[in-house]
Amino acid sequence: MIFHILFNHNQYNKVMDEKIQKVLEEKIHESANRINEIISLVNSGVESKEWRWSFGRGIIIGRLYNSFYYQSRRILKRNPTEQEFSEFIQLLKDHYDEFRELSLKFN
């Protein structure tokens, strides 16, 4: 119960640096614009359609995860906090439809 209260409270008190959030939003749109590169990686010898979808999503999420940590260390001069990481996960959830739409191109 206390975790639920704290988690919901944290969602309303955003702590993720605005610069980092902006970089992540740009990286999401960059992934969409560079989808052909990701498709080339995904289609490099893999036969399973399900695997290609997972691999493609993994590339996109991995790029975002890397950017999140790199920008936190560059801008804030520290690793992200658990609350900032929770906000990163929420950002991914907020863009789920975009990721799903991109993954349809990994056929």
PDB file of N, CA and C in Angstrom:
ATOM      1  N   MET A   1       0.818  -1.194   0.000  1.00  0.00           N
ATOM      2  CA  MET A   1       0.000   0.000   0.000  1.00  0.00           C
ATOM      3  C   MET A   1       0.864   1.261   0.000  1.00  0.00           C
ATOM      4  N   ILE A   2       1.893   1.302   0.853  1.00  0.00           N
ATOM      5  CA  ILE A   2       2.737   2.487   0.913  1.00  0.00           C
ATOM      6  C   ILE A   2       3.476   2.702  -0.405  1.00  0.00           C
ATOM      7  N   PHE A   3       3.919   1.597  -1.049  1.00  0.00           N
ATOM      8  CA  PHE A   3       4.577   1.716  -2.347  1.00  0.00           C
ATOM      9  C   PHE A   3       3.638   2.352  -3.360  1.00  0.00           C
ATOM     10  N   HIS A   4       2.377   1.917  -3.377  1.00  0.00           N
ATOM     11  CA  HIS A   4       1.393   2.465  -4.304  1.00  0.00           C
ATOM     12  C   HIS A   4       1.227   3.966  -4.074  1.00  0.00           C
ATOM     13  N   ILE A   5       1.157   4.374  -2.842  1.00  0.00           N
ATOM     14  CA  ILE A   5       1.001   5.802  -2.520  1.00  0.00           C
ATOM     15  C   ILE A   5       2.231   6.568  -2.979  1.00  0.00           C
ATOM     16  N   LEU A   6       3.411   6.054  -2.655  1.00  0.00           N
ATOM     17  CA  LEU A   6       4.638   6.739  -3.063  1.00  0.00           C
ATOM     18  C   LEU A   6       4.786   6.785  -4.573  1.00  0.00           C
ATOM     19  N   PHE A   7       4.481   5.673  -5.246  1.00  0.00           N
ATOM     20  CA  PHE A   7       4.620   5.627  -6.697  1.00  0.00           C
ATOM     21  C   PHE A   7       3.690   6.636  -7.356  1.00  0.00           C
ATOM     22  N   ASN A   8       2.444   6.675  -6.947  1.00  0.00           N
ATOM     23  CA  ASN A   8       1.501   7.625  -7.523  1.00  0.00           C
ATOM     24  C   ASN A   8       1.887   9.058  -7.206  1.00  0.00           C
ATOM     25  N   HIS A   9       2.400   9.279  -6.010  1.00  0.00           N
ATOM     26  CA  HIS A   9       2.845  10.624  -5.636  1.00  0.00           C
ATOM     27  C   HIS A   9       4.002  11.065  -6.528  1.00  0.00           C
ATOM     28  N   ASN A  10       4.941  10.157  -6.777  1.00  0.00           N
ATOM     29  CA  ASN A  10       6.104  10.489  -7.590  1.00  0.00           C
ATOM     30  C   ASN A  10       5.729  10.820  -9.023  1.00  0.00           C
ATOM     31  N   GLN A  11       4.678  10.222  -9.529  1.00  0.00           N
ATOM     32  CA  GLN A  11       4.290  10.499 -10.905  1.00  0.00           C
ATOM     33  C   GLN A  11       3.835  11.948 -11.078  1.00  0.00           C
ATOM     34  N   TYR A  12       3.323  12.556 -10.046  1.00  0.00           N
ATOM     35  CA  TYR A  12       2.846  13.929 -10.150  1.00  0.00           C
ATOM     36  C   TYR A  12       3.932  14.941  -9.855  1.00  0.00           C
ATOM     37  N   ASN A  13       4.992  14.538  -9.195  1.00  0.00           N
ATOM     38  CA  ASN A  13       6.109  15.413  -8.886  1.00  0.00           C
ATOM     39  C   ASN A  13       7.295  15.019  -9.749  1.00  0.00           C
ATOM     40  N   LYS A  14       7.250  15.414 -11.004  1.00  0.00           N
ATOM     41  CA  LYS A  14       8.287  15.028 -11.963  1.00  0.00           C
ATOM     42  C   LYS A  14       9.628  15.617 -11.546  1.00  0.00           C
ATOM     43  N   VAL A  15      10.653  14.772 -11.595  1.00  0.00           N
ATOM     44  CA  VAL A  15      11.984  15.233 -11.255  1.00  0.00           C
ATOM     45  C   VAL A  15      12.957  15.091 -12.419  1.00  0.00           C
ATOM     46  N   MET A  16      12.557  14.385 -13.470  1.00  0.00           N
ATOM     47  CA  MET A  16      13.458  14.223 -14.612  1.00  0.00           C
ATOM     48  C   MET A  16      13.759  15.596 -15.194  1.00  0.00           C
ATOM     49  N   ASP A  17      15.017  15.854 -15.403  1.00  0.00           N
ATOM     50  CA  ASP A  17      15.448  17.113 -15.970  1.00  0.00           C
ATOM     51  C   ASP A  17      14.785  17.333 -17.332  1.00  0.00           C
ATOM     52  N   GLU A  18      14.306  18.536 -17.564  1.00  0.00           N
ATOM     53  CA  GLU A  18      13.606  18.843 -18.821  1.00  0.00           C
ATOM     54  C   GLU A  18      14.500  18.657 -20.039  1.00  0.00           C
ATOM     55  N   LYS A  19      15.790  18.958 -19.894  1.00  0.00           N
ATOM     56  CA  LYS A  19      16.720  18.787 -21.014  1.00  0.00           C
ATOM     57  C   LYS A  19      16.820  17.314 -21.392  1.00  0.00           C
ATOM     58  N   ILE A  20      16.879  16.462 -20.377  1.00  0.00           N
ATOM     59  CA  ILE A  20      16.984  15.030 -20.637  1.00  0.00           C
ATOM     60  C   ILE A  20      15.711  14.523 -21.290  1.00  0.00           C
ATOM     61  N   GLN A  21      14.569  14.965 -20.783  1.00  0.00           N
ATOM     62  CA  GLN A  21      13.304  14.534 -21.374  1.00  0.00           C
ATOM     63  C   GLN A  21      13.213  14.993 -22.821  1.00  0.00           C
ATOM     64  N   LYS A  22      13.668  16.195 -23.108  1.00  0.00           N
ATOM     65  CA  LYS A  22      13.642  16.704 -24.481  1.00  0.00           C
ATOM     66  C   LYS A  22      14.538  15.866 -25.388  1.00  0.00           C
ATOM     67  N   VAL A  23      15.727  15.520 -24.908  1.00  0.00           N
ATOM     68  CA  VAL A  23      16.643  14.688 -25.697  1.00  0.00           C
ATOM     69  C   VAL A  23      16.000  13.332 -25.990  1.00  0.00           C
ATOM     70  N   LEU A  24      15.334  12.748 -24.996  1.00  0.00           N
ATOM     71  CA  LEU A  24      14.694  11.449 -25.191  1.00  0.00           C
ATOM     72  C   LEU A  24      13.553  11.532 -26.197  1.00  0.00           C
ATOM     73  N   GLU A  25      12.770  12.599 -26.118  1.00  0.00           N
ATOM     74  CA  GLU A  25      11.683  12.788 -27.096  1.00  0.00           C
ATOM     75  C   GLU A  25      12.270  12.913 -28.502  1.00  0.00           C
ATOM     76  N   GLU A  26      13.359  13.657 -28.626  1.00  0.00           N
ATOM     77  CA  GLU A  26      14.008  13.801 -29.931  1.00  0.00           C
ATOM     78  C   GLU A  26      14.542  12.458 -30.421  1.00  0.00           C
ATOM     79  N   LYS A  27      15.084  11.657 -29.505  1.00  0.00           N
ATOM     80  CA  LYS A  27      15.633  10.341 -29.869  1.00  0.00           C
ATOM     81  C   LYS A  27      14.524   9.406 -30.353  1.00  0.00           C
ATOM     82  N   ILE A  28      13.337   9.522 -29.771  1.00  0.00           N
ATOM     83  CA  ILE A  28      12.204   8.711 -30.227  1.00  0.00           C
ATOM     84  C   ILE A  28      11.863   9.076 -31.668  1.00  0.00           C
ATOM     85  N   HIS A  29      11.800  10.364 -31.947  1.00  0.00           N
ATOM     86  CA  HIS A  29      11.471  10.807 -33.307  1.00  0.00           C
ATOM     87  C   HIS A  29      12.615  10.493 -34.282  1.00  0.00           C
ATOM     88  N   GLU A  30      13.847  10.554 -33.794  1.00  0.00           N
ATOM     89  CA  GLU A  30      14.987  10.199 -34.632  1.00  0.00           C
ATOM     90  C   GLU A  30      14.924   8.717 -35.020  1.00  0.00           C
ATOM     91  N   SER A  31      14.506   7.879 -34.084  1.00  0.00           N
ATOM     92  CA  SER A  31      14.368   6.450 -34.383  1.00  0.00           C
ATOM     93  C   SER A  31      13.352   6.239 -35.501  1.00  0.00           C
ATOM     94  N   ALA A  32      12.269   6.994 -35.463  1.00  0.00           N
ATOM     95  CA  ALA A  32      11.255   6.881 -36.511  1.00  0.00           C
ATOM     96  C   ALA A  32      11.816   7.346 -37.851  1.00  0.00           C
ATOM     97  N   ASN A  33      12.614   8.391 -37.825  1.00  0.00           N
ATOM     98  CA  ASN A  33      13.184   8.924 -39.064  1.00  0.00           C
ATOM     99  C   ASN A  33      14.293   8.040 -39.628  1.00  0.00           C
ATOM    100  N   ARG A  34      14.939   7.248 -38.757  1.00  0.00           N
ATOM    101  CA  ARG A  34      16.046   6.386 -39.192  1.00  0.00           C
ATOM    102  C   ARG A  34      15.628   4.917 -39.192  1.00  0.00           C
ATOM    103  N   ILE A  35      14.346   4.693 -39.392  1.00  0.00           N
ATOM    104  CA  ILE A  35      13.808   3.335 -39.323  1.00  0.00           C
ATOM    105  C   ILE A  35      14.460   2.398 -40.332  1.00  0.00           C
ATOM    106  N   ASN A  36      14.868   2.919 -41.488  1.00  0.00           N
ATOM    107  CA  ASN A  36      15.495   2.060 -42.505  1.00  0.00           C
ATOM    108  C   ASN A  36      16.796   1.445 -42.004  1.00  0.00           C
ATOM    109  N   GLU A  37      17.561   2.190 -41.207  1.00  0.00           N
ATOM    110  CA  GLU A  37      18.792   1.645 -40.633  1.00  0.00           C
ATOM    111  C   GLU A  37      18.471   0.522 -39.654  1.00  0.00           C
ATOM    112  N   ILE A  38      17.456   0.743 -38.834  1.00  0.00           N
ATOM    113  CA  ILE A  38      17.059  -0.265 -37.852  1.00  0.00           C
ATOM    114  C   ILE A  38      16.526  -1.506 -38.566  1.00  0.00           C
ATOM    115  N   ILE A  39      15.751  -1.298 -39.625  1.00  0.00           N
ATOM    116  CA  ILE A  39      15.227  -2.425 -40.405  1.00  0.00           C
ATOM    117  C   ILE A  39      16.375  -3.228 -40.993  1.00  0.00           C
ATOM    118  N   SER A  40      17.414  -2.569 -41.484  1.00  0.00           N
ATOM    119  CA  SER A  40      18.572  -3.282 -42.029  1.00  0.00           C
ATOM    120  C   SER A  40      19.223  -4.160 -40.969  1.00  0.00           C
ATOM    121  N   LEU A  41      19.362  -3.637 -39.763  1.00  0.00           N
ATOM    122  CA  LEU A  41      19.925  -4.439 -38.668  1.00  0.00           C
ATOM    123  C   LEU A  41      19.025  -5.624 -38.342  1.00  0.00           C
ATOM    124  N   VAL A  42      17.730  -5.353 -38.260  1.00  0.00           N
ATOM    125  CA  VAL A  42      16.762  -6.384 -37.880  1.00  0.00           C
ATOM    126  C   VAL A  42      16.718  -7.497 -38.914  1.00  0.00           C
ATOM    127  N   ASN A  43      16.814  -7.144 -40.163  1.00  0.00           N
ATOM    128  CA  ASN A  43      16.689  -8.131 -41.241  1.00  0.00           C
ATOM    129  C   ASN A  43      18.015  -8.782 -41.616  1.00  0.00           C
ATOM    130  N   SER A  44      19.045  -8.576 -40.833  1.00  0.00           N
ATOM    131  CA  SER A  44      20.369  -9.110 -41.174  1.00  0.00           C
ATOM    132  C   SER A  44      20.479 -10.596 -40.832  1.00  0.00           C
ATOM    133  N   GLY A  45      19.708 -11.400 -41.542  1.00  0.00           N
ATOM    134  CA  GLY A  45      19.820 -12.844 -41.420  1.00  0.00           C
ATOM    135  C   GLY A  45      18.873 -13.508 -40.446  1.00  0.00           C
ATOM    136  N   VAL A  46      17.953 -12.788 -39.889  1.00  0.00           N
ATOM    137  CA  VAL A  46      17.023 -13.370 -38.920  1.00  0.00           C
ATOM    138  C   VAL A  46      15.729 -13.746 -39.631  1.00  0.00           C
ATOM    139  N   GLU A  47      15.293 -14.964 -39.423  1.00  0.00           N
ATOM    140  CA  GLU A  47      14.124 -15.472 -40.139  1.00  0.00           C
ATOM    141  C   GLU A  47      12.814 -15.306 -39.372  1.00  0.00           C
ATOM    142  N   SER A  48      12.851 -15.396 -38.057  1.00  0.00           N
ATOM    143  CA  SER A  48      11.647 -15.378 -37.245  1.00  0.00           C
ATOM    144  C   SER A  48      11.056 -13.966 -37.158  1.00  0.00           C
ATOM    145  N   LYS A  49       9.792 -13.848 -37.537  1.00  0.00           N
ATOM    146  CA  LYS A  49       9.110 -12.557 -37.504  1.00  0.00           C
ATOM    147  C   LYS A  49       9.026 -12.022 -36.070  1.00  0.00           C
ATOM    148  N   GLU A  50       8.689 -12.899 -35.125  1.00  0.00           N
ATOM    149  CA  GLU A  50       8.593 -12.475 -33.722  1.00  0.00           C
ATOM    150  C   GLU A  50       9.941 -11.990 -33.205  1.00  0.00           C
ATOM    151  N   TRP A  51      11.007 -12.688 -33.585  1.00  0.00           N
ATOM    152  CA  TRP A  51      12.332 -12.289 -33.149  1.00  0.00           C
ATOM    153  C   TRP A  51      12.696 -10.919 -33.724  1.00  0.00           C
ATOM    154  N   ARG A  52      12.358 -10.694 -34.994  1.00  0.00           N
ATOM    155  CA  ARG A  52      12.649  -9.396 -35.615  1.00  0.00           C
ATOM    156  C   ARG A  52      11.928  -8.267 -34.888  1.00  0.00           C
ATOM    157  N   TRP A  53      10.658  -8.497 -34.525  1.00  0.00           N
ATOM    158  CA  TRP A  53       9.920  -7.469 -33.775  1.00  0.00           C
ATOM    159  C   TRP A  53      10.604  -7.178 -32.444  1.00  0.00           C
ATOM    160  N   SER A  54      10.958  -8.225 -31.724  1.00  0.00           N
ATOM    161  CA  SER A  54      11.613  -8.059 -30.427  1.00  0.00           C
ATOM    162  C   SER A  54      12.971  -7.377 -30.571  1.00  0.00           C
ATOM    163  N   PHE A  55      13.733  -7.810 -31.560  1.00  0.00           N
ATOM    164  CA  PHE A  55      15.051  -7.232 -31.791  1.00  0.00           C
ATOM    165  C   PHE A  55      14.942  -5.756 -32.155  1.00  0.00           C
ATOM    166  N   GLY A  56      14.012  -5.429 -33.040  1.00  0.00           N
ATOM    167  CA  GLY A  56      13.823  -4.032 -33.445  1.00  0.00           C
ATOM    168  C   GLY A  56      13.414  -3.143 -32.290  1.00  0.00           C
ATOM    169  N   ARG A  57      12.464  -3.616 -31.498  1.00  0.00           N
ATOM    170  CA  ARG A  57      12.060  -2.848 -30.310  1.00  0.00           C
ATOM    171  C   ARG A  57      13.232  -2.714 -29.348  1.00  0.00           C
ATOM    172  N   GLY A  58      13.998  -3.782 -29.217  1.00  0.00           N
ATOM    173  CA  GLY A  58      15.162  -3.752 -28.333  1.00  0.00           C
ATOM    174  C   GLY A  58      16.181  -2.710 -28.764  1.00  0.00           C
ATOM    175  N   ILE A  59      16.382  -2.583 -30.065  1.00  0.00           N
ATOM    176  CA  ILE A  59      17.305  -1.564 -30.571  1.00  0.00           C
ATOM    177  C   ILE A  59      16.810  -0.171 -30.196  1.00  0.00           C
ATOM    178  N   ILE A  60      15.529   0.077 -30.428  1.00  0.00           N
ATOM    179  CA  ILE A  60      14.970   1.402 -30.133  1.00  0.00           C
ATOM    180  C   ILE A  60      15.025   1.689 -28.630  1.00  0.00           C
ATOM    181  N   ILE A  61      14.566   0.739 -27.809  1.00  0.00           N
ATOM    182  CA  ILE A  61      14.570   0.937 -26.364  1.00  0.00           C
ATOM    183  C   ILE A  61      16.008   1.054 -25.852  1.00  0.00           C
ATOM    184  N   GLY A  62      16.906   0.252 -26.412  1.00  0.00           N
ATOM    185  CA  GLY A  62      18.313   0.320 -26.016  1.00  0.00           C
ATOM    186  C   GLY A  62      18.926   1.680 -26.296  1.00  0.00           C
ATOM    187  N   ARG A  63      18.609   2.238 -27.435  1.00  0.00           N
ATOM    188  CA  ARG A  63      19.115   3.582 -27.758  1.00  0.00           C
ATOM    189  C   ARG A  63      18.594   4.612 -26.768  1.00  0.00           C
ATOM    190  N   LEU A  64      17.323   4.484 -26.419  1.00  0.00           N
ATOM    191  CA  LEU A  64      16.737   5.421 -25.459  1.00  0.00           C
ATOM    192  C   LEU A  64      17.340   5.239 -24.066  1.00  0.00           C
ATOM    193  N   TYR A  65      17.499   3.994 -23.662  1.00  0.00           N
ATOM    194  CA  TYR A  65      18.086   3.680 -22.354  1.00  0.00           C
ATOM    195  C   TYR A  65      19.510   4.235 -22.265  1.00  0.00           C
ATOM    196  N   ASN A  66      20.284   4.027 -23.315  1.00  0.00           N
ATOM    197  CA  ASN A  66      21.642   4.545 -23.361  1.00  0.00           C
ATOM    198  C   ASN A  66      21.642   6.073 -23.284  1.00  0.00           C
ATOM    199  N   SER A  67      20.766   6.710 -24.039  1.00  0.00           N
ATOM    200  CA  SER A  67      20.683   8.171 -24.023  1.00  0.00           C
ATOM    201  C   SER A  67      20.279   8.688 -22.648  1.00  0.00           C
ATOM    202  N   PHE A  68      19.332   8.008 -22.029  1.00  0.00           N
ATOM    203  CA  PHE A  68      18.866   8.407 -20.701  1.00  0.00           C
ATOM    204  C   PHE A  68      20.030   8.418 -19.705  1.00  0.00           C
ATOM    205  N   TYR A  69      20.796   7.341 -19.676  1.00  0.00           N
ATOM    206  CA  TYR A  69      21.929   7.287 -18.746  1.00  0.00           C
ATOM    207  C   TYR A  69      23.033   8.264 -19.142  1.00  0.00           C
ATOM    208  N   TYR A  70      23.358   8.326 -20.419  1.00  0.00           N
ATOM    209  CA  TYR A  70      24.421   9.216 -20.872  1.00  0.00           C
ATOM    210  C   TYR A  70      24.074  10.675 -20.576  1.00  0.00           C
ATOM    211  N   GLN A  71      22.859  11.080 -20.908  1.00  0.00           N
ATOM    212  CA  GLN A  71      22.467  12.474 -20.686  1.00  0.00           C
ATOM    213  C   GLN A  71      22.381  12.802 -19.200  1.00  0.00           C
ATOM    214  N   SER A  72      21.948  11.834 -18.394  1.00  0.00           N
ATOM    215  CA  SER A  72      21.909  12.071 -16.942  1.00  0.00           C
ATOM    216  C   SER A  72      23.317  12.332 -16.417  1.00  0.00           C
ATOM    217  N   ARG A  73      24.260  11.551 -16.878  1.00  0.00           N
ATOM    218  CA  ARG A  73      25.639  11.730 -16.416  1.00  0.00           C
ATOM    219  C   ARG A  73      26.259  12.994 -16.991  1.00  0.00           C
ATOM    220  N   ARG A  74      25.914  13.325 -18.226  1.00  0.00           N
ATOM    221  CA  ARG A  74      26.481  14.520 -18.860  1.00  0.00           C
ATOM    222  C   ARG A  74      25.890  15.795 -18.273  1.00  0.00           C
ATOM    223  N   ILE A  75      24.570  15.843 -18.163  1.00  0.00           N
ATOM    224  CA  ILE A  75      23.886  17.065 -17.729  1.00  0.00           C
ATOM    225  C   ILE A  75      23.887  17.202 -16.208  1.00  0.00           C
ATOM    226  N   LEU A  76      23.537  16.115 -15.515  1.00  0.00           N
ATOM    227  CA  LEU A  76      23.389  16.176 -14.057  1.00  0.00           C
ATOM    228  C   LEU A  76      24.663  15.798 -13.312  1.00  0.00           C
ATOM    229  N   LYS A  77      25.642  15.248 -14.046  1.00  0.00           N
ATOM    230  CA  LYS A  77      26.903  14.804 -13.447  1.00  0.00           C
ATOM    231  C   LYS A  77      26.704  13.706 -12.407  1.00  0.00           C
ATOM    232  N   ARG A  78      25.697  12.844 -12.662  1.00  0.00           N
ATOM    233  CA  ARG A  78      25.415  11.725 -11.760  1.00  0.00           C
ATOM    234  C   ARG A  78      24.543  10.722 -12.484  1.00  0.00           C
ATOM    235  N   ASN A  79      24.434   9.535 -11.898  1.00  0.00           N
ATOM    236  CA  ASN A  79      23.512   8.539 -12.425  1.00  0.00           C
ATOM    237  C   ASN A  79      22.092   8.942 -12.078  1.00  0.00           C
ATOM    238  N   PRO A  80      21.122   8.516 -12.860  1.00  0.00           N
ATOM    239  CA  PRO A  80      19.724   8.855 -12.548  1.00  0.00           C
ATOM    240  C   PRO A  80      19.258   8.181 -11.255  1.00  0.00           C
ATOM    241  N   THR A  81      18.327   8.838 -10.597  1.00  0.00           N
ATOM    242  CA  THR A  81      17.732   8.276  -9.385  1.00  0.00           C
ATOM    243  C   THR A  81      16.668   7.257  -9.761  1.00  0.00           C
ATOM    244  N   GLU A  82      16.188   6.517  -8.777  1.00  0.00           N
ATOM    245  CA  GLU A  82      15.109   5.561  -9.034  1.00  0.00           C
ATOM    246  C   GLU A  82      13.860   6.276  -9.531  1.00  0.00           C
ATOM    247  N   GLN A  83      13.588   7.438  -8.975  1.00  0.00           N
ATOM    248  CA  GLN A  83      12.406   8.189  -9.416  1.00  0.00           C
ATOM    249  C   GLN A  83      12.556   8.641 -10.863  1.00  0.00           C
ATOM    250  N   GLU A  84      13.734   9.093 -11.236  1.00  0.00           N
ATOM    251  CA  GLU A  84      13.970   9.485 -12.628  1.00  0.00           C
ATOM    252  C   GLU A  84      13.857   8.269 -13.547  1.00  0.00           C
ATOM    253  N   PHE A  85      14.352   7.131 -13.095  1.00  0.00           N
ATOM    254  CA  PHE A  85      14.228   5.914 -13.892  1.00  0.00           C
ATOM    255  C   PHE A  85      12.756   5.534 -14.047  1.00  0.00           C
ATOM    256  N   SER A  86      11.963   5.693 -13.000  1.00  0.00           N
ATOM    257  CA  SER A  86      10.520   5.427 -13.087  1.00  0.00           C
ATOM    258  C   SER A  86       9.863   6.345 -14.110  1.00  0.00           C
ATOM    259  N   GLU A  87      10.310   7.582 -14.153  1.00  0.00           N
ATOM    260  CA  GLU A  87       9.777   8.519 -15.147  1.00  0.00           C
ATOM    261  C   GLU A  87      10.206   8.122 -16.559  1.00  0.00           C
ATOM    262  N   PHE A  88      11.406   7.589 -16.688  1.00  0.00           N
ATOM    263  CA  PHE A  88      11.867   7.090 -17.986  1.00  0.00           C
ATOM    264  C   PHE A  88      10.961   5.951 -18.447  1.00  0.00           C
ATOM    265  N   ILE A  89      10.661   5.039 -17.555  1.00  0.00           N
ATOM    266  CA  ILE A  89       9.764   3.926 -17.895  1.00  0.00           C
ATOM    267  C   ILE A  89       8.391   4.463 -18.294  1.00  0.00           C
ATOM    268  N   GLN A  90       7.904   5.468 -17.582  1.00  0.00           N
ATOM    269  CA  GLN A  90       6.608   6.057 -17.934  1.00  0.00           C
ATOM    270  C   GLN A  90       6.663   6.705 -19.314  1.00  0.00           C
ATOM    271  N   LEU A  91       7.784   7.330 -19.638  1.00  0.00           N
ATOM    272  CA  LEU A  91       7.955   7.924 -20.968  1.00  0.00           C
ATOM    273  C   LEU A  91       7.852   6.843 -22.041  1.00  0.00           C
ATOM    274  N   LEU A  92       8.465   5.689 -21.792  1.00  0.00           N
ATOM    275  CA  LEU A  92       8.366   4.579 -22.734  1.00  0.00           C
ATOM    276  C   LEU A  92       6.920   4.125 -22.882  1.00  0.00           C
ATOM    277  N   LYS A  93       6.215   4.032 -21.771  1.00  0.00           N
ATOM    278  CA  LYS A  93       4.803   3.633 -21.809  1.00  0.00           C
ATOM    279  C   LYS A  93       3.970   4.650 -22.571  1.00  0.00           C
ATOM    280  N   ASP A  94       4.285   5.929 -22.391  1.00  0.00           N
ATOM    281  CA  ASP A  94       3.534   6.988 -23.074  1.00  0.00           C
ATOM    282  C   ASP A  94       3.695   6.917 -24.594  1.00  0.00           C
ATOM    283  N   HIS A  95       4.801   6.338 -25.044  1.00  0.00           N
ATOM    284  CA  HIS A  95       5.079   6.243 -26.481  1.00  0.00           C
ATOM    285  C   HIS A  95       4.878   4.828 -27.014  1.00  0.00           C
ATOM    286  N   TYR A  96       4.181   4.003 -26.271  1.00  0.00           N
ATOM    287  CA  TYR A  96       3.973   2.606 -26.657  1.00  0.00           C
ATOM    288  C   TYR A  96       3.396   2.489 -28.065  1.00  0.00           C
ATOM    289  N   ASP A  97       2.383   3.285 -28.376  1.00  0.00           N
ATOM    290  CA  ASP A  97       1.750   3.189 -29.700  1.00  0.00           C
ATOM    291  C   ASP A  97       2.744   3.492 -30.821  1.00  0.00           C
ATOM    292  N   GLU A  98       3.622   4.458 -30.606  1.00  0.00           N
ATOM    293  CA  GLU A  98       4.639   4.768 -31.615  1.00  0.00           C
ATOM    294  C   GLU A  98       5.597   3.596 -31.798  1.00  0.00           C
ATOM    295  N   PHE A  99       6.016   2.979 -30.681  1.00  0.00           N
ATOM    296  CA  PHE A  99       6.919   1.829 -30.772  1.00  0.00           C
ATOM    297  C   PHE A  99       6.246   0.666 -31.478  1.00  0.00           C
ATOM    298  N   ARG A 100       4.982   0.455 -31.181  1.00  0.00           N
ATOM    299  CA  ARG A 100       4.252  -0.643 -31.822  1.00  0.00           C
ATOM    300  C   ARG A 100       4.139  -0.388 -33.320  1.00  0.00           C
ATOM    301  N   GLU A 101       3.837   0.841 -33.684  1.00  0.00           N
ATOM    302  CA  GLU A 101       3.726   1.180 -35.109  1.00  0.00           C
ATOM    303  C   GLU A 101       5.059   0.998 -35.833  1.00  0.00           C
ATOM    304  N   LEU A 102       6.143   1.402 -35.191  1.00  0.00           N
ATOM    305  CA  LEU A 102       7.465   1.209 -35.791  1.00  0.00           C
ATOM    306  C   LEU A 102       7.789  -0.271 -35.931  1.00  0.00           C
ATOM    307  N   SER A 103       7.422  -1.052 -34.925  1.00  0.00           N
ATOM    308  CA  SER A 103       7.763  -2.484 -34.957  1.00  0.00           C
ATOM    309  C   SER A 103       7.012  -3.230 -36.064  1.00  0.00           C
ATOM    310  N   LEU A 104       5.912  -2.692 -36.532  1.00  0.00           N
ATOM    311  CA  LEU A 104       5.182  -3.325 -37.639  1.00  0.00           C
ATOM    312  C   LEU A 104       6.000  -3.286 -38.931  1.00  0.00           C
ATOM    313  N   LYS A 105       6.960  -2.405 -38.984  1.00  0.00           N
ATOM    314  CA  LYS A 105       7.811  -2.287 -40.177  1.00  0.00           C
ATOM    315  C   LYS A 105       8.936  -3.315 -40.179  1.00  0.00           C
ATOM    316  N   PHE A 106       9.077  -4.099 -39.104  1.00  0.00           N
ATOM    317  CA  PHE A 106      10.155  -5.077 -38.999  1.00  0.00           C
ATOM    318  C   PHE A 106       9.758  -6.428 -39.563  1.00  0.00           C
ATOM    319  N   ASN A 107       8.897  -6.468 -40.545  1.00  0.00           N
ATOM    320  CA  ASN A 107       8.454  -7.733 -41.127  1.00  0.00           C
ATOM    321  C   ASN A 107       9.525  -8.339 -41.925  1.00  0.00           C
TER     322      ASN A 107
END
